[in-house]
């Protein structure tokens, strides 16, 4: 590796380290294959879908919980023998 003395500091010149970073081949050097890249994209897609569908799910869950509470209340009232 060539060194250049500039003032009192020695500087190392190695342009080979910058080439993989700028060309995208660093993915291969650091063992990132297409499979990991696709898995990362899939995870982002699933996360986006969850964020989009979360409000609908919360509304549905609230309706379901309300219905179950109402049914449980009716059952307990029936079990006690309400006169209504």
Protein backbone atom coordinates (compact mmCIF):
# COMPACT_ATOMS: atom_id res chain seq x y z
CA UNK A 1 0.00 0.00 0.00
CA UNK A 2 1.64 3.24 -1.05
CA UNK A 3 2.08 5.90 1.58
CA UNK A 4 2.32 9.59 0.98
CA UNK A 5 3.93 11.90 3.49
CA UNK A 6 1.99 15.13 3.66
CA UNK A 7 3.35 17.51 6.24
CA UNK A 8 4.01 15.44 9.35
CA UNK A 9 1.21 12.91 8.73
CA UNK A 10 1.52 9.80 6.66
CA UNK A 11 -1.54 9.11 4.52
CA UNK A 12 -2.45 5.72 3.16
CA UNK A 13 -3.84 5.63 -0.34
CA UNK A 14 -5.94 2.59 -1.08
CA UNK A 15 -8.65 3.30 -3.61
CA UNK A 16 -9.52 -0.38 -3.74
CA UNK A 17 -11.45 -0.05 -0.47
CA UNK A 18 -13.73 2.60 -1.90
CA UNK A 19 -14.62 0.78 -5.11
CA UNK A 20 -16.91 -1.92 -3.58
CA UNK A 21 -18.80 0.66 -1.56
CA UNK A 22 -19.55 2.88 -4.54
CA UNK A 23 -20.39 0.12 -7.01
CA UNK A 24 -22.68 -1.89 -4.77
CA UNK A 25 -20.49 -4.98 -4.89
CA UNK A 26 -19.96 -4.52 -1.15
CA UNK A 27 -23.17 -6.52 -0.78
CA UNK A 28 -21.34 -9.53 -2.15
CA UNK A 29 -18.16 -8.85 -0.22
CA UNK A 30 -20.04 -8.67 3.07
CA UNK A 31 -21.96 -11.88 2.21
CA UNK A 32 -25.19 -10.16 1.22
CA UNK A 33 -26.72 -12.31 -1.48
CA UNK A 34 -29.91 -11.75 -3.42
CA UNK A 35 -31.75 -13.97 -0.94
CA UNK A 36 -31.04 -11.60 1.97
CA UNK A 37 -31.92 -8.58 -0.15
CA UNK A 38 -35.27 -10.13 -1.16
CA UNK A 39 -35.91 -11.10 2.47
CA UNK A 40 -35.28 -7.50 3.52
CA UNK A 41 -37.70 -6.21 0.87
CA UNK A 42 -40.31 -8.78 1.95
CA UNK A 43 -39.97 -7.73 5.60
CA UNK A 44 -40.45 -4.08 4.63
CA UNK A 45 -43.52 -5.04 2.57
CA UNK A 46 -45.06 -6.95 5.48
CA UNK A 47 -44.36 -4.07 7.85
CA UNK A 48 -46.08 -1.64 5.48
CA UNK A 49 -49.10 -3.95 5.20
CA UNK A 50 -49.35 -4.21 8.98
CA UNK A 51 -49.23 -0.45 9.36
CA UNK A 52 -51.92 -0.01 6.68
CA UNK A 53 -54.26 -2.67 8.10
CA UNK A 54 -53.78 -1.90 11.80
CA UNK A 55 -56.67 0.62 12.09
CA UNK A 56 -59.12 -1.82 10.46
CA UNK A 57 -57.95 -4.58 12.78
CA UNK A 58 -58.36 -2.41 15.87
CA UNK A 59 -61.92 -1.48 14.87
CA UNK A 60 -62.80 -5.12 14.26
CA UNK A 61 -61.20 -6.20 17.52
CA UNK A 62 -63.15 -3.53 19.44
CA UNK A 63 -66.42 -4.73 17.89
CA UNK A 64 -65.56 -8.33 18.71
CA UNK A 65 -64.67 -7.53 22.32
CA UNK A 66 -67.86 -5.46 22.71
CA UNK A 67 -69.97 -8.29 21.34
CA UNK A 68 -68.35 -10.84 23.63
CA UNK A 69 -68.84 -8.60 26.68
CA UNK A 70 -72.49 -8.10 25.78
CA UNK A 71 -72.99 -11.85 25.27
CA UNK A 72 -71.26 -12.62 28.58
CA UNK A 73 -73.45 -10.08 30.37
CA UNK A 74 -76.58 -11.61 28.83
CA UNK A 75 -75.43 -15.09 29.81
CA UNK A 76 -74.74 -14.06 33.41
CA UNK A 77 -78.12 -12.34 33.60
CA UNK A 78 -79.85 -15.43 32.21
CA UNK A 79 -77.96 -17.66 34.63
CA UNK A 80 -79.09 -15.56 37.62
CA UNK A 81 -82.67 -15.85 36.45
CA UNK A 82 -83.56 -12.29 35.60
CA UNK A 83 -87.29 -11.51 35.68
CA UNK A 84 -87.17 -9.39 32.49
